[in-house]
């Protein structure tokens, strides 16, 4: 359970899930996982309206699909117009620097 969900047992959350998965099989498994919880809004993005209990299941299931060395999974909690909390798994790619 994540620290910012501890005191909100009866609430439902709006979250945005974005992933970048290299392997086709893992990517298909992630799509199937996320389709159980939310609506696909782009090729690698889902919007989800979810309870705390279901979120905990989703987090465990998604973490089991991701290869932390090559893939990325980001979950954005959309509390209101000004507050956004994030949770993520996987590598962060550094930008290439090109000097001309």
PDB file of N, CA and C in Angstrom:
ATOM      1  N   UNK A   1       0.852  -1.174   0.000  1.00  0.00           N
ATOM      2  CA  UNK A   1       0.000   0.000   0.000  1.00  0.00           C
ATOM      3  C   UNK A   1       0.897   1.237   0.000  1.00  0.00           C
ATOM      4  N   UNK A   2       0.587   2.181  -0.820  1.00  0.00           N
ATOM      5  CA  UNK A   2       1.393   3.380  -0.911  1.00  0.00           C
ATOM      6  C   UNK A   2       1.013   4.366   0.183  1.00  0.00           C
ATOM      7  N   UNK A   3       1.961   5.208   0.569  1.00  0.00           N
ATOM      8  CA  UNK A   3       1.791   6.064   1.741  1.00  0.00           C
ATOM      9  C   UNK A   3       0.645   7.047   1.618  1.00  0.00           C
ATOM     10  N   UNK A   4       0.318   7.516   0.432  1.00  0.00           N
ATOM     11  CA  UNK A   4      -0.723   8.532   0.291  1.00  0.00           C
ATOM     12  C   UNK A   4      -2.112   7.942   0.158  1.00  0.00           C
ATOM     13  N   UNK A   5      -2.257   6.622   0.253  1.00  0.00           N
ATOM     14  CA  UNK A   5      -3.572   5.997   0.176  1.00  0.00           C
ATOM     15  C   UNK A   5      -4.015   5.425   1.524  1.00  0.00           C
ATOM     16  N   UNK A   6      -3.159   5.495   2.533  1.00  0.00           N
ATOM     17  CA  UNK A   6      -3.427   4.842   3.807  1.00  0.00           C
ATOM     18  C   UNK A   6      -4.713   5.304   4.486  1.00  0.00           C
ATOM     19  N   UNK A   7      -5.032   6.576   4.418  1.00  0.00           N
ATOM     20  CA  UNK A   7      -6.167   7.125   5.163  1.00  0.00           C
ATOM     21  C   UNK A   7      -7.430   7.295   4.333  1.00  0.00           C
ATOM     22  N   UNK A   8      -7.483   6.705   3.172  1.00  0.00           N
ATOM     23  CA  UNK A   8      -8.604   6.937   2.264  1.00  0.00           C
ATOM     24  C   UNK A   8      -9.260   5.629   1.846  1.00  0.00           C
ATOM     25  N   UNK A   9      -9.649   4.821   2.793  1.00  0.00           N
ATOM     26  CA  UNK A   9     -10.154   3.480   2.530  1.00  0.00           C
ATOM     27  C   UNK A   9     -11.390   3.431   1.639  1.00  0.00           C
ATOM     28  N   UNK A  10     -12.293   4.390   1.749  1.00  0.00           N
ATOM     29  CA  UNK A  10     -13.551   4.327   1.015  1.00  0.00           C
ATOM     30  C   UNK A  10     -13.539   5.102  -0.295  1.00  0.00           C
ATOM     31  N   UNK A  11     -12.450   5.732  -0.610  1.00  0.00           N
ATOM     32  CA  UNK A  11     -12.388   6.556  -1.810  1.00  0.00           C
ATOM     33  C   UNK A  11     -12.069   5.733  -3.047  1.00  0.00           C
ATOM     34  N   UNK A  12     -12.413   6.329  -4.171  1.00  0.00           N
ATOM     35  CA  UNK A  12     -11.995   5.782  -5.458  1.00  0.00           C
ATOM     36  C   UNK A  12     -11.085   6.827  -6.088  1.00  0.00           C
ATOM     37  N   UNK A  13     -10.140   6.369  -6.870  1.00  0.00           N
ATOM     38  CA  UNK A  13      -9.116   7.240  -7.421  1.00  0.00           C
ATOM     39  C   UNK A  13      -9.178   7.247  -8.934  1.00  0.00           C
ATOM     40  N   UNK A  14      -8.864   8.398  -9.487  1.00  0.00           N
ATOM     41  CA  UNK A  14      -8.682   8.500 -10.928  1.00  0.00           C
ATOM     42  C   UNK A  14      -7.177   8.454 -11.159  1.00  0.00           C
ATOM     43  N   UNK A  15      -6.740   7.476 -11.940  1.00  0.00           N
ATOM     44  CA  UNK A  15      -5.317   7.356 -12.220  1.00  0.00           C
ATOM     45  C   UNK A  15      -5.091   7.239 -13.721  1.00  0.00           C
ATOM     46  N   UNK A  16      -3.920   7.679 -14.138  1.00  0.00           N
ATOM     47  CA  UNK A  16      -3.476   7.554 -15.514  1.00  0.00           C
ATOM     48  C   UNK A  16      -2.263   6.642 -15.497  1.00  0.00           C
ATOM     49  N   UNK A  17      -2.294   5.590 -16.300  1.00  0.00           N
ATOM     50  CA  UNK A  17      -1.196   4.628 -16.354  1.00  0.00           C
ATOM     51  C   UNK A  17      -0.568   4.698 -17.740  1.00  0.00           C
ATOM     52  N   UNK A  18       0.745   4.891 -17.761  1.00  0.00           N
ATOM     53  CA  UNK A  18       1.490   4.979 -19.017  1.00  0.00           C
ATOM     54  C   UNK A  18       2.639   3.986 -18.942  1.00  0.00           C
ATOM     55  N   UNK A  19       2.859   3.254 -20.024  1.00  0.00           N
ATOM     56  CA  UNK A  19       3.932   2.268 -20.024  1.00  0.00           C
ATOM     57  C   UNK A  19       4.723   2.322 -21.318  1.00  0.00           C
ATOM     58  N   UNK A  20       5.971   1.854 -21.238  1.00  0.00           N
ATOM     59  CA  UNK A  20       6.844   1.675 -22.394  1.00  0.00           C
ATOM     60  C   UNK A  20       7.502   0.317 -22.190  1.00  0.00           C
ATOM     61  N   UNK A  21       7.037  -0.677 -22.927  1.00  0.00           N
ATOM     62  CA  UNK A  21       7.493  -2.052 -22.748  1.00  0.00           C
ATOM     63  C   UNK A  21       8.117  -2.541 -24.048  1.00  0.00           C
ATOM     64  N   UNK A  22       9.341  -3.035 -23.972  1.00  0.00           N
ATOM     65  CA  UNK A  22      10.111  -3.430 -25.147  1.00  0.00           C
ATOM     66  C   UNK A  22       9.586  -4.718 -25.774  1.00  0.00           C
ATOM     67  N   UNK A  23       9.324  -5.715 -24.977  1.00  0.00           N
ATOM     68  CA  UNK A  23       8.950  -7.051 -25.460  1.00  0.00           C
ATOM     69  C   UNK A  23       7.463  -7.124 -25.809  1.00  0.00           C
ATOM     70  N   UNK A  24       7.147  -7.658 -26.989  1.00  0.00           N
ATOM     71  CA  UNK A  24       5.751  -7.747 -27.441  1.00  0.00           C
ATOM     72  C   UNK A  24       4.878  -8.585 -26.509  1.00  0.00           C
ATOM     73  N   UNK A  25       5.403  -9.710 -26.022  1.00  0.00           N
ATOM     74  CA  UNK A  25       4.618 -10.593 -25.151  1.00  0.00           C
ATOM     75  C   UNK A  25       4.287  -9.899 -23.827  1.00  0.00           C
ATOM     76  N   UNK A  26       5.290  -9.255 -23.225  1.00  0.00           N
ATOM     77  CA  UNK A  26       5.045  -8.527 -21.971  1.00  0.00           C
ATOM     78  C   UNK A  26       4.091  -7.359 -22.201  1.00  0.00           C
ATOM     79  N   UNK A  27       4.246  -6.681 -23.340  1.00  0.00           N
ATOM     80  CA  UNK A  27       3.355  -5.561 -23.652  1.00  0.00           C
ATOM     81  C   UNK A  27       1.907  -6.037 -23.772  1.00  0.00           C
ATOM     82  N   UNK A  28       1.686  -7.167 -24.456  1.00  0.00           N
ATOM     83  CA  UNK A  28       0.338  -7.724 -24.582  1.00  0.00           C
ATOM     84  C   UNK A  28      -0.208  -8.131 -23.214  1.00  0.00           C
ATOM     85  N   UNK A  29       0.645  -8.711 -22.373  1.00  0.00           N
ATOM     86  CA  UNK A  29       0.218  -9.075 -21.014  1.00  0.00           C
ATOM     87  C   UNK A  29      -0.179  -7.837 -20.210  1.00  0.00           C
ATOM     88  N   UNK A  30       0.561  -6.739 -20.392  1.00  0.00           N
ATOM     89  CA  UNK A  30       0.231  -5.501 -19.680  1.00  0.00           C
ATOM     90  C   UNK A  30      -1.104  -4.951 -20.174  1.00  0.00           C
ATOM     91  N   UNK A  31      -1.335  -4.968 -21.481  1.00  0.00           N
ATOM     92  CA  UNK A  31      -2.612  -4.488 -22.026  1.00  0.00           C
ATOM     93  C   UNK A  31      -3.757  -5.302 -21.442  1.00  0.00           C
ATOM     94  N   UNK A  32      -3.618  -6.615 -21.424  1.00  0.00           N
ATOM     95  CA  UNK A  32      -4.677  -7.476 -20.871  1.00  0.00           C
ATOM     96  C   UNK A  32      -4.909  -7.187 -19.392  1.00  0.00           C
ATOM     97  N   UNK A  33      -3.836  -6.962 -18.664  1.00  0.00           N
ATOM     98  CA  UNK A  33      -3.942  -6.625 -17.239  1.00  0.00           C
ATOM     99  C   UNK A  33      -4.707  -5.318 -17.060  1.00  0.00           C
ATOM    100  N   UNK A  34      -4.302  -4.285 -17.769  1.00  0.00           N
ATOM    101  CA  UNK A  34      -4.894  -2.961 -17.580  1.00  0.00           C
ATOM    102  C   UNK A  34      -6.315  -2.870 -18.105  1.00  0.00           C
ATOM    103  N   UNK A  35      -6.652  -3.662 -19.114  1.00  0.00           N
ATOM    104  CA  UNK A  35      -8.026  -3.663 -19.633  1.00  0.00           C
ATOM    105  C   UNK A  35      -9.028  -4.160 -18.593  1.00  0.00           C
ATOM    106  N   UNK A  36      -8.563  -4.921 -17.606  1.00  0.00           N
ATOM    107  CA  UNK A  36      -9.441  -5.384 -16.526  1.00  0.00           C
ATOM    108  C   UNK A  36      -9.821  -4.250 -15.578  1.00  0.00           C
ATOM    109  N   UNK A  37      -9.031  -3.184 -15.581  1.00  0.00           N
ATOM    110  CA  UNK A  37      -9.217  -2.114 -14.612  1.00  0.00           C
ATOM    111  C   UNK A  37      -9.686  -0.791 -15.210  1.00  0.00           C
ATOM    112  N   UNK A  38      -9.357  -0.539 -16.475  1.00  0.00           N
ATOM    113  CA  UNK A  38      -9.656   0.775 -17.022  1.00  0.00           C
ATOM    114  C   UNK A  38      -9.866   0.790 -18.518  1.00  0.00           C
ATOM    115  N   UNK A  39      -9.804   1.988 -19.066  1.00  0.00           N
ATOM    116  CA  UNK A  39     -10.078   2.230 -20.477  1.00  0.00           C
ATOM    117  C   UNK A  39      -8.792   2.672 -21.162  1.00  0.00           C
ATOM    118  N   UNK A  40      -8.499   2.032 -22.278  1.00  0.00           N
ATOM    119  CA  UNK A  40      -7.324   2.402 -23.056  1.00  0.00           C
ATOM    120  C   UNK A  40      -7.627   3.702 -23.798  1.00  0.00           C
ATOM    121  N   UNK A  41      -6.782   4.731 -23.588  1.00  0.00           N
ATOM    122  CA  UNK A  41      -7.000   6.025 -24.224  1.00  0.00           C
ATOM    123  C   UNK A  41      -5.963   6.326 -25.299  1.00  0.00           C
ATOM    124  N   UNK A  42      -4.852   5.625 -25.277  1.00  0.00           N
ATOM    125  CA  UNK A  42      -3.834   5.681 -26.321  1.00  0.00           C
ATOM    126  C   UNK A  42      -3.161   4.328 -26.341  1.00  0.00           C
ATOM    127  N   UNK A  43      -2.229   4.123 -27.287  1.00  0.00           N
ATOM    128  CA  UNK A  43      -1.597   2.809 -27.400  1.00  0.00           C
ATOM    129  C   UNK A  43      -0.942   2.362 -26.098  1.00  0.00           C
ATOM    130  N   UNK A  44      -0.347   3.270 -25.374  1.00  0.00           N
ATOM    131  CA  UNK A  44       0.335   2.883 -24.137  1.00  0.00           C
ATOM    132  C   UNK A  44      -0.151   3.687 -22.932  1.00  0.00           C
ATOM    133  N   UNK A  45      -1.436   4.040 -22.930  1.00  0.00           N
ATOM    134  CA  UNK A  45      -1.989   4.821 -21.821  1.00  0.00           C
ATOM    135  C   UNK A  45      -3.407   4.364 -21.488  1.00  0.00           C
ATOM    136  N   UNK A  46      -3.671   4.241 -20.180  1.00  0.00           N
ATOM    137  CA  UNK A  46      -4.991   3.844 -19.683  1.00  0.00           C
ATOM    138  C   UNK A  46      -5.463   4.833 -18.633  1.00  0.00           C
ATOM    139  N   UNK A  47      -6.762   5.130 -18.645  1.00  0.00           N
ATOM    140  CA  UNK A  47      -7.403   5.883 -17.576  1.00  0.00           C
ATOM    141  C   UNK A  47      -8.176   4.885 -16.727  1.00  0.00           C
ATOM    142  N   UNK A  48      -8.034   5.014 -15.406  1.00  0.00           N
ATOM    143  CA  UNK A  48      -8.632   4.038 -14.493  1.00  0.00           C
ATOM    144  C   UNK A  48      -9.320   4.778 -13.345  1.00  0.00           C
ATOM    145  N   UNK A  49     -10.530   4.354 -13.007  1.00  0.00           N
ATOM    146  CA  UNK A  49     -11.265   4.820 -11.827  1.00  0.00           C
ATOM    147  C   UNK A  49     -11.316   3.616 -10.904  1.00  0.00           C
ATOM    148  N   UNK A  50     -10.635   3.682  -9.752  1.00  0.00           N
ATOM    149  CA  UNK A  50     -10.343   2.458  -9.006  1.00  0.00           C
ATOM    150  C   UNK A  50     -10.390   2.675  -7.496  1.00  0.00           C
ATOM    151  N   UNK A  51     -10.753   1.613  -6.774  1.00  0.00           N
ATOM    152  CA  UNK A  51     -10.712   1.620  -5.309  1.00  0.00           C
ATOM    153  C   UNK A  51      -9.294   1.280  -4.849  1.00  0.00           C
ATOM    154  N   UNK A  52      -9.043   1.533  -3.570  1.00  0.00           N
ATOM    155  CA  UNK A  52      -7.723   1.240  -3.001  1.00  0.00           C
ATOM    156  C   UNK A  52      -7.380  -0.238  -3.119  1.00  0.00           C
ATOM    157  N   UNK A  53      -8.338  -1.103  -2.799  1.00  0.00           N
ATOM    158  CA  UNK A  53      -8.099  -2.548  -2.826  1.00  0.00           C
ATOM    159  C   UNK A  53      -7.754  -3.026  -4.240  1.00  0.00           C
ATOM    160  N   UNK A  54      -8.517  -2.558  -5.225  1.00  0.00           N
ATOM    161  CA  UNK A  54      -8.233  -2.952  -6.605  1.00  0.00           C
ATOM    162  C   UNK A  54      -6.913  -2.368  -7.085  1.00  0.00           C
ATOM    163  N   UNK A  55      -6.596  -1.140  -6.646  1.00  0.00           N
ATOM    164  CA  UNK A  55      -5.317  -0.540  -7.023  1.00  0.00           C
ATOM    165  C   UNK A  55      -4.156  -1.391  -6.523  1.00  0.00           C
ATOM    166  N   UNK A  56      -4.253  -1.863  -5.291  1.00  0.00           N
ATOM    167  CA  UNK A  56      -3.186  -2.689  -4.734  1.00  0.00           C
ATOM    168  C   UNK A  56      -2.984  -3.947  -5.564  1.00  0.00           C
ATOM    169  N   UNK A  57      -4.085  -4.562  -6.012  1.00  0.00           N
ATOM    170  CA  UNK A  57      -3.997  -5.736  -6.888  1.00  0.00           C
ATOM    171  C   UNK A  57      -3.349  -5.380  -8.220  1.00  0.00           C
ATOM    172  N   UNK A  58      -3.790  -4.267  -8.790  1.00  0.00           N
ATOM    173  CA  UNK A  58      -3.236  -3.820 -10.072  1.00  0.00           C
ATOM    174  C   UNK A  58      -1.734  -3.591  -9.965  1.00  0.00           C
ATOM    175  N   UNK A  59      -1.298  -2.926  -8.912  1.00  0.00           N
ATOM    176  CA  UNK A  59       0.121  -2.625  -8.724  1.00  0.00           C
ATOM    177  C   UNK A  59       0.952  -3.904  -8.661  1.00  0.00           C
ATOM    178  N   UNK A  60       0.487  -4.896  -7.923  1.00  0.00           N
ATOM    179  CA  UNK A  60       1.203  -6.172  -7.810  1.00  0.00           C
ATOM    180  C   UNK A  60       1.239  -6.889  -9.152  1.00  0.00           C
ATOM    181  N   UNK A  61       0.090  -6.932  -9.821  1.00  0.00           N
ATOM    182  CA  UNK A  61       0.004  -7.619 -11.109  1.00  0.00           C
ATOM    183  C   UNK A  61       0.896  -6.947 -12.157  1.00  0.00           C
ATOM    184  N   UNK A  62       0.839  -5.629 -12.243  1.00  0.00           N
ATOM    185  CA  UNK A  62       1.641  -4.897 -13.226  1.00  0.00           C
ATOM    186  C   UNK A  62       3.132  -5.020 -12.932  1.00  0.00           C
ATOM    187  N   UNK A  63       3.507  -4.971 -11.658  1.00  0.00           N
ATOM    188  CA  UNK A  63       4.917  -5.106 -11.292  1.00  0.00           C
ATOM    189  C   UNK A  63       5.470  -6.468 -11.692  1.00  0.00           C
ATOM    190  N   UNK A  64       4.627  -7.493 -11.715  1.00  0.00           N
ATOM    191  CA  UNK A  64       5.054  -8.824 -12.129  1.00  0.00           C
ATOM    192  C   UNK A  64       5.270  -8.958 -13.624  1.00  0.00           C
ATOM    193  N   UNK A  65       4.764  -8.026 -14.394  1.00  0.00           N
ATOM    194  CA  UNK A  65       4.906  -8.071 -15.851  1.00  0.00           C
ATOM    195  C   UNK A  65       6.138  -7.299 -16.313  1.00  0.00           C
ATOM    196  N   UNK A  66       6.437  -6.212 -15.647  1.00  0.00           N
ATOM    197  CA  UNK A  66       7.502  -5.291 -16.058  1.00  0.00           C
ATOM    198  C   UNK A  66       8.891  -5.898 -15.866  1.00  0.00           C
ATOM    199  N   UNK A  67       9.771  -5.681 -16.841  1.00  0.00           N
ATOM    200  CA  UNK A  67      11.197  -5.966 -16.696  1.00  0.00           C
ATOM    201  C   UNK A  67      11.845  -4.638 -16.304  1.00  0.00           C
ATOM    202  N   UNK A  68      12.276  -4.523 -15.069  1.00  0.00           N
ATOM    203  CA  UNK A  68      12.773  -3.254 -14.544  1.00  0.00           C
ATOM    204  C   UNK A  68      14.010  -2.745 -15.278  1.00  0.00           C
ATOM    205  N   UNK A  69      14.734  -3.636 -15.943  1.00  0.00           N
ATOM    206  CA  UNK A  69      15.946  -3.230 -16.654  1.00  0.00           C
ATOM    207  C   UNK A  69      15.646  -2.547 -17.986  1.00  0.00           C
ATOM    208  N   UNK A  70      14.524  -2.897 -18.615  1.00  0.00           N
ATOM    209  CA  UNK A  70      14.260  -2.385 -19.965  1.00  0.00           C
ATOM    210  C   UNK A  70      12.934  -1.652 -20.123  1.00  0.00           C
ATOM    211  N   UNK A  71      11.990  -1.861 -19.228  1.00  0.00           N
ATOM    212  CA  UNK A  71      10.641  -1.316 -19.382  1.00  0.00           C
ATOM    213  C   UNK A  71      10.396  -0.168 -18.405  1.00  0.00           C
ATOM    214  N   UNK A  72       9.299   0.521 -18.632  1.00  0.00           N
ATOM    215  CA  UNK A  72       8.898   1.614 -17.752  1.00  0.00           C
ATOM    216  C   UNK A  72       7.388   1.574 -17.557  1.00  0.00           C
ATOM    217  N   UNK A  73       6.955   1.815 -16.334  1.00  0.00           N
ATOM    218  CA  UNK A  73       5.533   1.904 -16.001  1.00  0.00           C
ATOM    219  C   UNK A  73       5.360   3.088 -15.066  1.00  0.00           C
ATOM    220  N   UNK A  74       4.475   4.023 -15.434  1.00  0.00           N
ATOM    221  CA  UNK A  74       4.218   5.205 -14.613  1.00  0.00           C
ATOM    222  C   UNK A  74       2.738   5.258 -14.286  1.00  0.00           C
ATOM    223  N   UNK A  75       2.418   5.529 -13.031  1.00  0.00           N
ATOM    224  CA  UNK A  75       1.036   5.668 -12.591  1.00  0.00           C
ATOM    225  C   UNK A  75       0.887   7.053 -11.969  1.00  0.00           C
ATOM    226  N   UNK A  76      -0.019   7.854 -12.522  1.00  0.00           N
ATOM    227  CA  UNK A  76      -0.265   9.205 -12.048  1.00  0.00           C
ATOM    228  C   UNK A  76      -1.618   9.249 -11.352  1.00  0.00           C
ATOM    229  N   UNK A  77      -1.628   9.674 -10.095  1.00  0.00           N
ATOM    230  CA  UNK A  77      -2.864   9.841  -9.332  1.00  0.00           C
ATOM    231  C   UNK A  77      -3.365  11.259  -9.562  1.00  0.00           C
ATOM    232  N   UNK A  78      -4.574  11.397 -10.081  1.00  0.00           N
ATOM    233  CA  UNK A  78      -5.143  12.702 -10.400  1.00  0.00           C
ATOM    234  C   UNK A  78      -6.170  13.053  -9.328  1.00  0.00           C
ATOM    235  N   UNK A  79      -5.716  13.705  -8.253  1.00  0.00           N
ATOM    236  CA  UNK A  79      -6.577  14.021  -7.121  1.00  0.00           C
ATOM    237  C   UNK A  79      -7.518  15.179  -7.404  1.00  0.00           C
ATOM    238  N   UNK A  80      -6.986  16.232  -7.962  1.00  0.00           N
ATOM    239  CA  UNK A  80      -7.793  17.399  -8.323  1.00  0.00           C
ATOM    240  C   UNK A  80      -7.026  18.180  -9.376  1.00  0.00           C
ATOM    241  N   UNK A  81      -7.430  19.370  -9.631  1.00  0.00           N
ATOM    242  CA  UNK A  81      -6.796  20.127 -10.712  1.00  0.00           C
ATOM    243  C   UNK A  81      -5.358  20.527 -10.426  1.00  0.00           C
ATOM    244  N   UNK A  82      -4.955  20.537  -9.180  1.00  0.00           N
ATOM    245  CA  UNK A  82      -3.612  21.011  -8.862  1.00  0.00           C
ATOM    246  C   UNK A  82      -2.692  19.941  -8.305  1.00  0.00           C
ATOM    247  N   UNK A  83      -3.219  18.860  -7.777  1.00  0.00           N
ATOM    248  CA  UNK A  83      -2.374  17.857  -7.131  1.00  0.00           C
ATOM    249  C   UNK A  83      -2.255  16.603  -7.990  1.00  0.00           C
ATOM    250  N   UNK A  84      -1.027  16.195  -8.247  1.00  0.00           N
ATOM    251  CA  UNK A  84      -0.774  14.955  -8.973  1.00  0.00           C
ATOM    252  C   UNK A  84       0.315  14.207  -8.220  1.00  0.00           C
ATOM    253  N   UNK A  85       0.067  12.955  -7.894  1.00  0.00           N
ATOM    254  CA  UNK A  85       1.068  12.098  -7.263  1.00  0.00           C
ATOM    255  C   UNK A  85       1.449  11.027  -8.268  1.00  0.00           C
ATOM    256  N   UNK A  86       2.705  10.594  -8.227  1.00  0.00           N
ATOM    257  CA  UNK A  86       3.145   9.586  -9.185  1.00  0.00           C
ATOM    258  C   UNK A  86       3.801   8.410  -8.489  1.00  0.00           C
ATOM    259  N   UNK A  87       3.783   7.302  -9.167  1.00  0.00           N
ATOM    260  CA  UNK A  87       4.451   6.085  -8.732  1.00  0.00           C
ATOM    261  C   UNK A  87       5.014   5.456  -9.994  1.00  0.00           C
ATOM    262  N   UNK A  88       6.198   4.903  -9.971  1.00  0.00           N
ATOM    263  CA  UNK A  88       6.753   4.350 -11.202  1.00  0.00           C
ATOM    264  C   UNK A  88       7.656   3.162 -10.974  1.00  0.00           C
ATOM    265  N   UNK A  89       7.769   2.361 -12.023  1.00  0.00           N
ATOM    266  CA  UNK A  89       8.670   1.212 -12.054  1.00  0.00           C
ATOM    267  C   UNK A  89       9.452   1.298 -13.345  1.00  0.00           C
ATOM    268  N   UNK A  90      10.688   0.900 -13.307  1.00  0.00           N
ATOM    269  CA  UNK A  90      11.431   0.757 -14.551  1.00  0.00           C
ATOM    270  C   UNK A  90      12.477   1.834 -14.739  1.00  0.00           C
ATOM    271  N   UNK A  91      13.125   1.723 -15.871  1.00  0.00           N
ATOM    272  CA  UNK A  91      14.251   2.593 -16.154  1.00  0.00           C
ATOM    273  C   UNK A  91      13.786   3.954 -16.651  1.00  0.00           C
ATOM    274  N   UNK A  92      14.584   4.927 -16.360  1.00  0.00           N
ATOM    275  CA  UNK A  92      14.363   6.268 -16.904  1.00  0.00           C
ATOM    276  C   UNK A  92      15.465   6.502 -17.919  1.00  0.00           C
ATOM    277  N   UNK A  93      15.079   6.833 -19.112  1.00  0.00           N
ATOM    278  CA  UNK A  93      16.062   7.022 -20.168  1.00  0.00           C
ATOM    279  C   UNK A  93      16.579   8.446 -20.128  1.00  0.00           C
ATOM    280  N   UNK A  94      17.888   8.559 -20.226  1.00  0.00           N
ATOM    281  CA  UNK A  94      18.480   9.883 -20.278  1.00  0.00           C
ATOM    282  C   UNK A  94      18.418  10.389 -21.704  1.00  0.00           C
ATOM    283  N   UNK A  95      18.311  11.692 -21.824  1.00  0.00           N
ATOM    284  CA  UNK A  95      18.260  12.293 -23.147  1.00  0.00           C
ATOM    285  C   UNK A  95      19.648  12.300 -23.759  1.00  0.00           C
ATOM    286  N   UNK A  96      19.699  12.092 -25.073  1.00  0.00           N
ATOM    287  CA  UNK A  96      20.962  12.185 -25.789  1.00  0.00           C
ATOM    288  C   UNK A  96      21.344  13.651 -25.923  1.00  0.00           C
ATOM    289  N   UNK A  97      22.612  13.928 -25.763  1.00  0.00           N
ATOM    290  CA  UNK A  97      23.117  15.280 -25.945  1.00  0.00           C
ATOM    291  C   UNK A  97      23.886  15.307 -27.253  1.00  0.00           C
ATOM    292  N   UNK A  98      23.497  16.211 -28.127  1.00  0.00           N
ATOM    293  CA  UNK A  98      24.160  16.336 -29.421  1.00  0.00           C
ATOM    294  C   UNK A  98      24.811  17.706 -29.478  1.00  0.00           C
ATOM    295  N   UNK A  99      26.110  17.713 -29.704  1.00  0.00           N
ATOM    296  CA  UNK A  99      26.850  18.969 -29.804  1.00  0.00           C
ATOM    297  C   UNK A  99      27.278  19.134 -31.250  1.00  0.00           C
ATOM    298  N   UNK A 100      26.896  20.250 -31.831  1.00  0.00           N
ATOM    299  CA  UNK A 100      27.245  20.525 -33.234  1.00  0.00           C
ATOM    300  C   UNK A 100      28.414  21.462 -33.316  1.00  0.00           C
TER     301      UNK A 100
END
